[in-house]
């Protein structure tokens, strides 16, 4: 499988709380390439920092990538920052 590349902001899963789980939304045009609206393992980079994480359905036809504090620190990014993302599914060609 080819690597998917896009740029998107980091946001809180629940924006009303202004805390908790941070995610980025996978653009709609890439959801089918990643296997659809289901949870699965992905590998790639955010802001040049390597990671392995999960994408998951985020409601409203969206797929989100969970972003840990360690991932943000490695990328030199924070919630609200727009970041370069490269991802591919783990275990799929």
C-alpha atoms as a PDB file:
ATOM      1  CA  UNK A   1       0.000   0.000   0.000  1.00  0.00           C
ATOM      2  CA  UNK A   2       1.237   3.480  -0.813  1.00  0.00           C
ATOM      3  CA  UNK A   3       1.815   6.001   1.923  1.00  0.00           C
ATOM      4  CA  UNK A   4      -0.955   8.572   2.320  1.00  0.00           C
ATOM      5  CA  UNK A   5       0.188  12.177   2.824  1.00  0.00           C
ATOM      6  CA  UNK A   6      -1.846  15.140   4.035  1.00  0.00           C
ATOM      7  CA  UNK A   7      -1.767  18.211   6.274  1.00  0.00           C
ATOM      8  CA  UNK A   8      -4.315  18.694   9.057  1.00  0.00           C
ATOM      9  CA  UNK A   9      -4.714  20.293  12.510  1.00  0.00           C
ATOM     10  CA  UNK A  10      -4.445  18.359  15.769  1.00  0.00           C
ATOM     11  CA  UNK A  11      -7.692  18.634  17.752  1.00  0.00           C
ATOM     12  CA  UNK A  12      -9.200  17.287  20.954  1.00  0.00           C
ATOM     13  CA  UNK A  13     -11.531  14.295  20.466  1.00  0.00           C
ATOM     14  CA  UNK A  14     -14.105  16.179  22.532  1.00  0.00           C
ATOM     15  CA  UNK A  15     -13.495  19.897  21.810  1.00  0.00           C
ATOM     16  CA  UNK A  16     -15.877  21.013  24.584  1.00  0.00           C
ATOM     17  CA  UNK A  17     -13.528  19.564  27.232  1.00  0.00           C
ATOM     18  CA  UNK A  18     -10.326  21.238  25.945  1.00  0.00           C
ATOM     19  CA  UNK A  19      -8.383  18.251  27.196  1.00  0.00           C
ATOM     20  CA  UNK A  20      -8.080  14.505  26.959  1.00  0.00           C
ATOM     21  CA  UNK A  21      -7.511  12.491  23.798  1.00  0.00           C
ATOM     22  CA  UNK A  22      -5.899  14.364  20.892  1.00  0.00           C
ATOM     23  CA  UNK A  23      -6.614  13.272  17.307  1.00  0.00           C
ATOM     24  CA  UNK A  24      -6.213  14.294  13.707  1.00  0.00           C
ATOM     25  CA  UNK A  25      -8.902  13.700  11.105  1.00  0.00           C
ATOM     26  CA  UNK A  26      -8.001  11.675   8.020  1.00  0.00           C
ATOM     27  CA  UNK A  27      -9.314  13.527   4.940  1.00  0.00           C
ATOM     28  CA  UNK A  28     -12.395  11.825   3.459  1.00  0.00           C
ATOM     29  CA  UNK A  29     -10.618  11.044   0.177  1.00  0.00           C
ATOM     30  CA  UNK A  30      -8.188   8.745   2.065  1.00  0.00           C
ATOM     31  CA  UNK A  31     -10.670   6.784   4.221  1.00  0.00           C
ATOM     32  CA  UNK A  32     -11.332   4.056   1.609  1.00  0.00           C
ATOM     33  CA  UNK A  33      -7.581   3.658   0.959  1.00  0.00           C
ATOM     34  CA  UNK A  34      -7.045   2.934   4.662  1.00  0.00           C
ATOM     35  CA  UNK A  35      -9.769   0.269   4.619  1.00  0.00           C
ATOM     36  CA  UNK A  36     -12.884   2.254   5.488  1.00  0.00           C
ATOM     37  CA  UNK A  37     -14.480   3.433   8.696  1.00  0.00           C
ATOM     38  CA  UNK A  38     -13.067   0.880  11.121  1.00  0.00           C
ATOM     39  CA  UNK A  39     -10.377   0.781  13.776  1.00  0.00           C
ATOM     40  CA  UNK A  40      -7.005  -0.402  12.524  1.00  0.00           C
ATOM     41  CA  UNK A  41      -3.283  -0.055  13.166  1.00  0.00           C
ATOM     42  CA  UNK A  42      -1.257   2.453  11.133  1.00  0.00           C
ATOM     43  CA  UNK A  43       2.385   3.483  10.956  1.00  0.00           C
ATOM     44  CA  UNK A  44       3.923   6.688   9.674  1.00  0.00           C
ATOM     45  CA  UNK A  45       5.173  10.124  10.635  1.00  0.00           C
ATOM     46  CA  UNK A  46       3.695  13.326  12.020  1.00  0.00           C
ATOM     47  CA  UNK A  47       5.847  16.385  11.611  1.00  0.00           C
ATOM     48  CA  UNK A  48       8.693  14.031  10.667  1.00  0.00           C
ATOM     49  CA  UNK A  49       8.459  12.001  13.910  1.00  0.00           C
ATOM     50  CA  UNK A  50       7.812   8.278  13.440  1.00  0.00           C
ATOM     51  CA  UNK A  51       4.821   6.612  15.156  1.00  0.00           C
ATOM     52  CA  UNK A  52       2.571   3.556  15.273  1.00  0.00           C
ATOM     53  CA  UNK A  53      -1.001   4.224  16.396  1.00  0.00           C
ATOM     54  CA  UNK A  54      -4.647   3.529  15.551  1.00  0.00           C
ATOM     55  CA  UNK A  55      -7.207   5.113  13.288  1.00  0.00           C
ATOM     56  CA  UNK A  56     -10.813   4.863  14.469  1.00  0.00           C
ATOM     57  CA  UNK A  57     -14.291   5.965  13.376  1.00  0.00           C
ATOM     58  CA  UNK A  58     -14.967   9.482  14.663  1.00  0.00           C
ATOM     59  CA  UNK A  59     -18.641   9.889  13.704  1.00  0.00           C
ATOM     60  CA  UNK A  60     -20.090  11.759  10.763  1.00  0.00           C
ATOM     61  CA  UNK A  61     -18.201   9.593   8.249  1.00  0.00           C
ATOM     62  CA  UNK A  62     -14.830  10.646   9.680  1.00  0.00           C
ATOM     63  CA  UNK A  63     -11.778   8.557  10.495  1.00  0.00           C
ATOM     64  CA  UNK A  64      -9.450   9.900  13.204  1.00  0.00           C
ATOM     65  CA  UNK A  65      -5.869   9.081  14.196  1.00  0.00           C
ATOM     66  CA  UNK A  66      -5.147   9.133  17.936  1.00  0.00           C
ATOM     67  CA  UNK A  67      -2.145  11.297  18.827  1.00  0.00           C
ATOM     68  CA  UNK A  68      -0.398  10.727  22.156  1.00  0.00           C
ATOM     69  CA  UNK A  69       1.402  13.433  24.134  1.00  0.00           C
ATOM     70  CA  UNK A  70       4.675  11.637  23.371  1.00  0.00           C
ATOM     71  CA  UNK A  71       3.898  11.757  19.634  1.00  0.00           C
ATOM     72  CA  UNK A  72       3.172  15.490  19.824  1.00  0.00           C
ATOM     73  CA  UNK A  73       6.365  16.111  21.813  1.00  0.00           C
ATOM     74  CA  UNK A  74       8.461  14.163  19.267  1.00  0.00           C
ATOM     75  CA  UNK A  75       6.866  16.165  16.443  1.00  0.00           C
ATOM     76  CA  UNK A  76       7.267  19.485  18.290  1.00  0.00           C
ATOM     77  CA  UNK A  77       3.519  20.034  17.942  1.00  0.00           C
ATOM     78  CA  UNK A  78       0.511  20.752  20.141  1.00  0.00           C
ATOM     79  CA  UNK A  79      -3.267  20.670  19.901  1.00  0.00           C
ATOM     80  CA  UNK A  80      -4.312  23.364  17.438  1.00  0.00           C
ATOM     81  CA  UNK A  81      -1.163  23.062  15.304  1.00  0.00           C
ATOM     82  CA  UNK A  82      -1.451  22.002  11.671  1.00  0.00           C
ATOM     83  CA  UNK A  83       0.873  19.079  10.970  1.00  0.00           C
ATOM     84  CA  UNK A  84       2.239  17.090   8.019  1.00  0.00           C
ATOM     85  CA  UNK A  85       1.097  13.459   8.206  1.00  0.00           C
ATOM     86  CA  UNK A  86       2.211  10.327   6.361  1.00  0.00           C
ATOM     87  CA  UNK A  87       0.458   7.039   7.177  1.00  0.00           C
ATOM     88  CA  UNK A  88       0.000   3.524   5.888  1.00  0.00           C
ATOM     89  CA  UNK A  89      -1.855   0.525   7.299  1.00  0.00           C
ATOM     90  CA  UNK A  90       0.197  -1.938   9.345  1.00  0.00           C
ATOM     91  CA  UNK A  91       0.245  -5.453   7.917  1.00  0.00           C
ATOM     92  CA  UNK A  92      -1.228  -4.568   4.523  1.00  0.00           C
ATOM     93  CA  UNK A  93       0.488  -4.102   1.165  1.00  0.00           C
END
